[in-house]
């Protein structure tokens, strides 16, 4: 499994525990699956504490008119506790209350929702409200929470949220943390080549090539091939930046996979860029291609 996906899991675990990913050095050798299990155990421990109290508070809100309950929530409960209580609410009750709360407050509440229990609540929200909250989360750079939304929401709502995001770099940052490869494939497949190409330009401009390559790691060969051909369609500068990051971050296996899935025309384009590039890049790409079982014809094509 890609080291990039392991990195994403360490960052998500650190986000849950309220620390930096660098503080989890003892877990550096754990696999993606082990890190995900650790995060699940930690979430159950953190969100399970005082659950009976949160459930009682959720029940108590039913006794108040919705408007009064919304005022009480903002003035006395606060967004952190409100997230814990909301996770214990009936979806209809949570929907009625959310319609009385301002979007910035709801966005902060999302940071404290129990990810294991909040799916029905999130899916009960109207699309327009979800999009507004997602915009607020994007402004606050809460990409991990937005990725959790993507895993929980229905396809049409996810599409509406993605359409509302106009910064290509945000799509990379969110996609990096989405757990469901099926959901991620659906999101990327729905994007046209112009928009996907913009994410590759953003990868070069904002040093997000690891996120761009990790985003499609584990998706179908058809989608990876499409992304590979789009890489070859970019400027020499963008292509060279991908090779540079591959060398710095050890991402040659992912680039080798891309080259193997490219059309002959795209490989010719990559080969042309490599002619004027570092000999070390050519050697490392060839070694990665050999390790992935590339044919002699393909190896000769890239080395030409």
Foldseek 3Di string as FASTA:
>chain_A
DDLLLVVLLLCVLCLLVVHHSVVVVVCSPPDNVVSVVVSVVSLCVVLVPCLVVLLVVQVVLVVDPLLVSLVCCVPPVALQSVQSNLLNHDLVSLQSNVVNHDLLSVLSNLSNHSLVRCLSNLQSHDLVSNLSNLVNCVVVVVLLSVLSSLQRYDLVSNQVNVVSDDQLCSVLSNLSNNDDLVSLVSNQVVDDLVSLLNNLVVCLVVVRLSSNLSSCVPHDLVSLQVSLLSLLVDDLSSVVSNLVVCVVVVVLLSNLSSLLSYDLVSLLSSLVSCVPDDPVSLVSNLVSNVVVPHDPVSSVSSVD
